[in-house]
């Protein structure tokens, strides 16, 4: 079969890779659609992010959906032809964090398309993939392959909102309205947020933020003081979901977050940020990180299957995996794209 293999920054090739043999408890999935994530873009543009660098050729991709082509011995509950979303997360289940229910912090995590370990974990941008049955989640007939592939980033957003705690009736600020920020808006609305404000420096993501449920949006590029009105009485927002990974966005949000407000950091810039800890102390902020997901993947698929979320406004284009340079260029253009998906059907 063929796959998208990254060799170096800008060197992304369509090349043949072997298909592993099926073992007990596994199934062969024909990948039909895959979403280009921010981490895929980092590998393509820069060879990695932070200290994580490509050291050997690696198949990219971790947001995919497809159809079952074969099942191995001992597999039950799945049949050839059924469509599934594939979770890229494969925790060991044995380490102390898995035993604590913190599978996203597994000490032996094998996450598709990741250069965090050596040898790298090969990704899912391929025509066929062998998966464990625990990674497969059935898609309803009315759900498109594109929507199914978006279960992974939705799970990331759901985990971030879960880290924020109860949002019923809360006033929420989302900084950075790219795909994860927009999905965080969707997740926050499902969690009962009463008022959601989104900020970004681009008009296109802000329009999409309104489409998926933001009550109002502010372009902090053209209106740098747009948040100032929320600074009255020590701040108006209860929760900040920071999805930009931008230090300036985080710092400016501190002025409009009320005392004992909750900060959930979703976005990563690849570098470190300096924070005004005098403000953190004086306003008694609760700082929380958010990393990947676990049980939220099943929740994401359930929400999609039951039509409780609408992800279609965030799907910008579906392009052939055989022209990766064109697809990745569009995915990097925030002026016209949110989520670009690759088709593996041809």
Protein backbone atom coordinates (compact mmCIF):
# COMPACT_ATOMS: atom_id res chain seq x y z
CA UNK A 1 0.00 0.00 0.00
CA UNK A 2 0.98 3.64 -0.17
CA UNK A 3 1.42 6.14 2.64
CA UNK A 4 2.54 9.72 3.30
CA UNK A 5 6.05 9.56 4.74
CA UNK A 6 7.91 12.58 6.12
CA UNK A 7 11.71 12.47 5.68
CA UNK A 8 12.69 16.05 6.50
CA UNK A 9 11.09 19.50 6.58
CA UNK A 10 9.26 19.95 3.28
CA UNK A 11 10.13 16.41 2.18
CA UNK A 12 6.81 14.54 2.32
CA UNK A 13 6.60 11.57 -0.04
CA UNK A 14 3.93 9.17 -1.27
CA UNK A 15 5.67 5.83 -1.04
CA UNK A 16 5.05 2.13 -0.61
CA UNK A 17 5.01 0.69 2.92
CA UNK A 18 4.25 -2.89 4.03
CA UNK A 19 0.93 -3.95 5.53
CA UNK A 20 1.42 -5.92 8.77
CA UNK A 21 -0.18 -9.32 9.23
CA UNK A 22 -3.39 -9.49 11.25
CA UNK A 23 -3.05 -10.89 14.75
CA UNK A 24 -5.64 -11.91 17.31
CA UNK A 25 -7.82 -9.03 18.43
CA UNK A 26 -6.92 -6.88 15.43
CA UNK A 27 -8.63 -5.68 12.27
CA UNK A 28 -7.55 -4.30 8.92
CA UNK A 29 -9.10 -0.93 8.11
CA UNK A 30 -9.16 0.68 4.70
CA UNK A 31 -8.41 4.33 5.52
CA UNK A 32 -10.79 6.60 3.64
CA UNK A 33 -10.19 10.02 5.15
CA UNK A 34 -7.62 11.73 7.37
CA UNK A 35 -7.40 15.21 8.87
CA UNK A 36 -4.22 17.32 8.76
CA UNK A 37 -3.42 18.38 12.33
CA UNK A 38 -1.24 21.19 13.63
CA UNK A 39 1.41 18.67 14.66
CA UNK A 40 1.45 17.25 11.10
CA UNK A 41 2.08 20.79 9.85
CA UNK A 42 4.92 21.25 12.36
CA UNK A 43 6.60 18.07 11.15
CA UNK A 44 6.15 19.13 7.53
CA UNK A 45 7.25 22.75 7.93
CA UNK A 46 9.87 22.51 10.67
CA UNK A 47 10.74 18.84 11.15
CA UNK A 48 9.06 18.79 14.56
CA UNK A 49 8.20 21.03 17.48
CA UNK A 50 10.10 21.94 20.62
CA UNK A 51 12.54 19.14 21.40
CA UNK A 52 10.57 16.59 19.34
CA UNK A 53 12.32 16.16 15.98
CA UNK A 54 12.10 13.71 13.09
CA UNK A 55 15.07 11.33 13.31
CA UNK A 56 13.91 8.74 10.79
CA UNK A 57 11.25 8.50 8.03
CA UNK A 58 7.78 8.48 9.59
CA UNK A 59 4.25 8.04 8.27
CA UNK A 60 2.29 11.11 9.35
CA UNK A 61 -1.29 11.35 10.54
CA UNK A 62 -3.50 10.44 13.48
CA UNK A 63 -6.99 11.71 12.60
CA UNK A 64 -8.57 9.01 10.42
CA UNK A 65 -11.73 7.09 9.61
CA UNK A 66 -12.30 4.17 7.28
CA UNK A 67 -14.01 0.84 6.62
CA UNK A 68 -13.16 -2.60 8.01
CA UNK A 69 -11.66 -4.89 5.35
CA UNK A 70 -10.77 -7.90 7.50
CA UNK A 71 -10.93 -9.05 11.12
CA UNK A 72 -8.44 -11.21 12.94
CA UNK A 73 -9.01 -14.19 15.25
CA UNK A 74 -11.03 -13.50 18.37
CA UNK A 75 -12.63 -10.30 17.09
CA UNK A 76 -16.32 -9.94 17.90
CA UNK A 77 -18.77 -7.07 17.57
CA UNK A 78 -17.30 -5.84 14.30
CA UNK A 79 -17.96 -6.93 10.71
CA UNK A 80 -16.29 -6.40 7.36
CA UNK A 81 -17.72 -3.31 5.65
CA UNK A 82 -18.56 -1.41 8.81
CA UNK A 83 -17.22 2.14 8.99
CA UNK A 84 -15.20 3.20 12.00
CA UNK A 85 -13.35 6.15 13.45
CA UNK A 86 -9.89 5.09 14.61
CA UNK A 87 -8.45 6.34 17.88
CA UNK A 88 -4.70 6.95 17.46
CA UNK A 89 -4.08 6.51 21.18
CA UNK A 90 -2.64 3.15 22.31
CA UNK A 91 -1.72 3.26 26.00
CA UNK A 92 -0.08 0.17 27.50
CA UNK A 93 -2.75 -0.37 30.16
CA UNK A 94 -0.10 -1.63 32.59
CA UNK A 95 1.92 1.34 33.87
CA UNK A 96 1.02 3.22 37.02
CA UNK A 97 -0.66 6.08 35.15
CA UNK A 98 -2.83 3.71 33.11
CA UNK A 99 -3.76 1.96 36.36
CA UNK A 100 -4.70 5.36 37.85
CA UNK A 101 -7.02 6.09 34.90
CA UNK A 102 -4.59 8.60 33.41
CA UNK A 103 -4.03 6.75 30.15
CA UNK A 104 -3.12 9.95 28.31
CA UNK A 105 0.02 10.02 30.50
CA UNK A 106 0.96 6.39 29.76
CA UNK A 107 4.66 5.70 30.24
CA UNK A 108 4.69 3.48 27.12
CA UNK A 109 2.24 5.38 24.89
CA UNK A 110 2.22 4.54 21.19
CA UNK A 111 0.43 7.43 19.51
CA UNK A 112 0.14 7.41 15.72
CA UNK A 113 2.48 9.69 13.80
CA UNK A 114 4.60 10.72 16.77
CA UNK A 115 8.36 11.29 16.90
CA UNK A 116 8.32 11.54 20.69
CA UNK A 117 9.87 8.08 20.96
CA UNK A 118 12.53 6.22 19.03
CA UNK A 119 11.86 4.36 16.85
CA UNK A 120 9.03 6.70 15.92
CA UNK A 121 5.42 5.55 16.02
CA UNK A 122 4.29 5.29 12.41
CA UNK A 123 1.13 7.19 11.59
CA UNK A 124 -2.20 6.57 9.89
CA UNK A 125 -1.93 8.52 6.60
CA UNK A 126 -1.90 5.26 4.66
CA UNK A 127 -4.30 3.31 2.49
CA UNK A 128 -4.63 0.47 5.00
CA UNK A 129 -3.91 0.18 8.70
CA UNK A 130 -3.97 -2.70 11.18
CA UNK A 131 -5.51 -1.61 14.49
CA UNK A 132 -6.52 -3.15 17.80
CA UNK A 133 -10.27 -3.53 18.23
CA UNK A 134 -10.05 -1.19 21.22
CA UNK A 135 -9.20 1.63 18.80
CA UNK A 136 -12.31 1.24 16.61
CA UNK A 137 -15.55 3.17 17.12
CA UNK A 138 -18.47 2.56 14.78
CA UNK A 139 -19.82 5.45 12.75
CA UNK A 140 -23.52 5.93 12.04
CA UNK A 141 -24.60 5.64 8.40
CA UNK A 142 -25.42 9.35 8.19
CA UNK A 143 -21.93 10.40 9.36
CA UNK A 144 -19.43 11.22 6.60
CA UNK A 145 -15.88 9.91 6.60
CA UNK A 146 -14.74 13.51 7.03
CA UNK A 147 -16.78 13.97 10.19
CA UNK A 148 -15.55 10.62 11.50
CA UNK A 149 -11.94 11.70 11.02
CA UNK A 150 -12.65 14.76 13.18
CA UNK A 151 -13.45 12.67 16.24
CA UNK A 152 -9.83 12.94 17.36
CA UNK A 153 -9.56 16.76 17.50
CA UNK A 154 -13.04 16.90 19.02
CA UNK A 155 -11.81 14.52 21.74
CA UNK A 156 -8.90 16.89 22.41
CA UNK A 157 -11.36 19.76 22.87
CA UNK A 158 -13.67 17.67 25.06
CA UNK A 159 -10.75 16.77 27.31
CA UNK A 160 -9.81 20.44 27.62
CA UNK A 161 -13.36 21.39 28.58
CA UNK A 162 -13.47 18.51 31.06
CA UNK A 163 -10.27 19.88 32.64
CA UNK A 164 -12.05 23.19 33.17
CA UNK A 165 -14.65 21.60 35.44
CA UNK A 166 -18.38 22.46 35.41
CA UNK A 167 -19.24 25.09 32.80
CA UNK A 168 -22.99 25.30 33.34
CA UNK A 169 -23.89 28.99 33.32
CA UNK A 170 -20.27 30.07 33.04
CA UNK A 171 -18.80 32.88 30.98
CA UNK A 172 -16.00 31.45 28.81
CA UNK A 173 -13.23 33.09 26.80
CA UNK A 174 -11.60 31.08 24.00
CA UNK A 175 -8.35 32.57 22.69
CA UNK A 176 -7.31 31.21 19.31
CA UNK A 177 -10.17 30.07 17.08
CA UNK A 178 -8.35 27.60 14.86
CA UNK A 179 -9.68 24.03 14.67
CA UNK A 180 -9.07 23.19 18.35
CA UNK A 181 -10.36 26.55 19.56
CA UNK A 182 -13.49 26.23 17.42
CA UNK A 183 -14.05 22.69 18.67
CA UNK A 184 -13.55 23.95 22.24
CA UNK A 185 -16.38 26.41 21.58
CA UNK A 186 -18.59 23.51 20.48
CA UNK A 187 -17.59 21.48 23.55
CA UNK A 188 -18.11 24.40 25.94
CA UNK A 189 -21.57 25.02 24.54
CA UNK A 190 -22.47 21.34 24.99
CA UNK A 191 -21.22 21.64 28.58
CA UNK A 192 -23.66 24.48 29.29
CA UNK A 193 -21.56 27.64 28.99
CA UNK A 194 -23.88 30.64 29.08
CA UNK A 195 -21.73 33.08 27.12
CA UNK A 196 -18.73 32.33 24.91
CA UNK A 197 -16.38 34.93 23.44
CA UNK A 198 -13.76 33.94 20.89
CA UNK A 199 -10.65 35.90 19.93
CA UNK A 200 -8.24 35.52 17.05
CA UNK A 201 -6.17 37.63 14.65
CA UNK A 202 -7.88 36.32 11.52
CA UNK A 203 -11.33 37.00 10.15
CA UNK A 204 -11.83 33.53 8.69
CA UNK A 205 -11.48 31.60 11.97
CA UNK A 206 -13.64 34.17 13.73
CA UNK A 207 -16.44 33.70 11.19
CA UNK A 208 -16.23 29.96 11.77
CA UNK A 209 -16.29 30.50 15.55
CA UNK A 210 -19.61 32.31 15.21
CA UNK A 211 -20.95 29.52 13.00
CA UNK A 212 -20.21 26.85 15.59
CA UNK A 213 -21.63 28.66 18.60
CA UNK A 214 -19.62 31.64 19.88
CA UNK A 215 -21.87 34.44 21.13
CA UNK A 216 -19.40 37.09 20.00
CA UNK A 217 -15.90 37.31 18.54
CA UNK A 218 -13.10 39.86 18.66
CA UNK A 219 -10.32 40.36 16.16
CA UNK A 220 -7.43 41.27 18.46
CA UNK A 221 -5.28 42.04 15.43
CA UNK A 222 -7.43 44.93 14.22
CA UNK A 223 -8.92 45.68 17.65
CA UNK A 224 -6.10 45.13 20.19
CA UNK A 225 -8.15 46.68 23.01
CA UNK A 226 -11.26 44.69 22.15
CA UNK A 227 -11.20 42.73 25.39
CA UNK A 228 -10.76 45.80 27.62
CA UNK A 229 -14.47 46.12 28.38
CA UNK A 230 -14.36 42.74 30.11
CA UNK A 231 -11.68 43.89 32.59
CA UNK A 232 -14.13 45.77 34.84
CA UNK A 233 -14.42 44.64 38.46
CA UNK A 234 -11.29 42.46 38.28
CA UNK A 235 -12.49 40.54 35.21
CA UNK A 236 -15.70 39.10 33.81
CA UNK A 237 -14.81 35.61 32.55
CA UNK A 238 -15.01 32.51 34.71
CA UNK A 239 -12.93 30.26 32.44
CA UNK A 240 -10.23 30.75 29.83
CA UNK A 241 -9.66 28.08 27.19
CA UNK A 242 -6.36 29.14 25.63
CA UNK A 243 -5.96 27.47 22.24
CA UNK A 244 -3.50 29.75 20.45
CA UNK A 245 -0.28 28.84 22.24
CA UNK A 246 0.54 32.55 22.13
CA UNK A 247 2.05 34.18 25.21
CA UNK A 248 0.49 37.57 24.44
CA UNK A 249 -2.96 36.03 24.17
CA UNK A 250 -2.54 34.33 27.53
CA UNK A 251 -1.23 37.44 29.25
CA UNK A 252 -4.00 39.70 27.91
CA UNK A 253 -6.63 37.20 28.98
CA UNK A 254 -5.42 37.40 32.58
CA UNK A 255 -6.78 40.95 32.75
CA UNK A 256 -10.32 39.85 31.93
CA UNK A 257 -10.43 36.63 33.98
CA UNK A 258 -12.09 37.05 37.37
CA UNK A 259 -10.37 36.14 40.66
CA UNK A 260 -10.21 32.37 41.11
CA UNK A 261 -10.84 31.95 37.41
CA UNK A 262 -9.71 28.78 35.69
CA UNK A 263 -7.10 28.76 32.91
CA UNK A 264 -6.92 25.69 30.67
CA UNK A 265 -3.95 25.68 28.29
CA UNK A 266 -4.84 23.77 25.11
CA UNK A 267 -2.53 25.34 22.55
CA UNK A 268 1.19 24.69 22.25
CA UNK A 269 3.62 27.01 20.51
CA UNK A 270 6.60 24.66 20.59
CA UNK A 271 8.47 26.96 22.95
CA UNK A 272 8.15 28.08 26.55
CA UNK A 273 6.04 31.00 27.77
CA UNK A 274 6.71 33.47 30.56
CA UNK A 275 3.74 34.27 32.79
CA UNK A 276 3.01 37.19 35.15
CA UNK A 277 2.87 35.10 38.31
CA UNK A 278 2.19 38.17 40.46
CA UNK A 279 -1.19 38.28 38.73
CA UNK A 280 -1.67 34.53 39.11
CA UNK A 281 -1.10 34.85 42.84
CA UNK A 282 -3.06 38.08 43.36
CA UNK A 283 -6.12 36.80 41.48
CA UNK A 284 -5.71 33.20 42.69
CA UNK A 285 -5.94 31.69 39.24
CA UNK A 286 -6.14 27.95 38.80
CA UNK A 287 -3.76 26.94 35.97
CA UNK A 288 -4.51 23.62 34.27
CA UNK A 289 -2.87 21.88 31.35
CA UNK A 290 -4.71 19.68 28.89
CA UNK A 291 -2.93 16.88 27.02
CA UNK A 292 -4.57 14.62 24.46
CA UNK A 293 -7.53 12.52 25.75
CA UNK A 294 -8.68 9.01 26.57
CA UNK A 295 -12.34 8.25 27.29
CA UNK A 296 -13.33 11.45 25.47
CA UNK A 297 -12.76 9.75 22.10
CA UNK A 298 -15.78 7.50 22.63
CA UNK A 299 -17.78 10.54 23.73
CA UNK A 300 -16.73 12.44 20.60
CA UNK A 301 -17.95 9.65 18.31
CA UNK A 302 -21.20 9.37 20.25
CA UNK A 303 -21.86 13.11 19.95
CA UNK A 304 -21.16 12.95 16.21
CA UNK A 305 -23.32 9.86 15.71
CA UNK A 306 -26.25 11.39 17.61
CA UNK A 307 -26.00 14.70 15.71
CA UNK A 308 -25.40 16.55 18.96
CA UNK A 309 -22.52 18.48 17.39
CA UNK A 310 -22.15 19.90 13.90
CA UNK A 311 -18.57 19.74 12.63
CA UNK A 312 -19.33 20.39 8.98
CA UNK A 313 -18.68 24.18 9.14
CA UNK A 314 -15.07 23.43 10.09
CA UNK A 315 -14.35 21.17 7.11
CA UNK A 316 -12.65 23.37 4.53
CA UNK A 317 -11.66 20.87 1.83
CA UNK A 318 -11.02 17.21 1.07
CA UNK A 319 -8.02 16.62 -1.19
CA UNK A 320 -6.18 13.61 -2.57
CA UNK A 321 -3.31 12.29 -0.47
CA UNK A 322 -1.35 11.99 -3.72
CA UNK A 323 -0.83 15.77 -3.79
CA UNK A 324 0.36 16.40 -0.23
CA UNK A 325 2.21 19.65 -0.91
CA UNK A 326 -0.97 21.32 -2.16
CA UNK A 327 -3.06 19.95 0.72
CA UNK A 328 -0.56 20.97 3.39
CA UNK A 329 -0.19 24.45 1.86
CA UNK A 330 -3.94 24.97 2.12
CA UNK A 331 -4.04 23.57 5.67
CA UNK A 332 -1.39 26.13 6.69
CA UNK A 333 -3.36 29.04 5.21
CA UNK A 334 -5.50 30.29 8.10
CA UNK A 335 -7.04 32.96 5.88
CA UNK A 336 -9.08 30.35 4.04
CA UNK A 337 -8.85 26.98 5.79
CA UNK A 338 -9.80 25.44 9.10
CA UNK A 339 -9.61 21.66 8.71
CA UNK A 340 -8.23 20.17 5.49
CA UNK A 341 -8.78 16.45 5.04
CA UNK A 342 -7.03 13.93 2.83
CA UNK A 343 -8.89 11.34 0.79
CA UNK A 344 -7.31 7.89 0.51
CA UNK A 345 -10.03 6.43 -1.72
CA UNK A 346 -8.14 6.81 -5.02
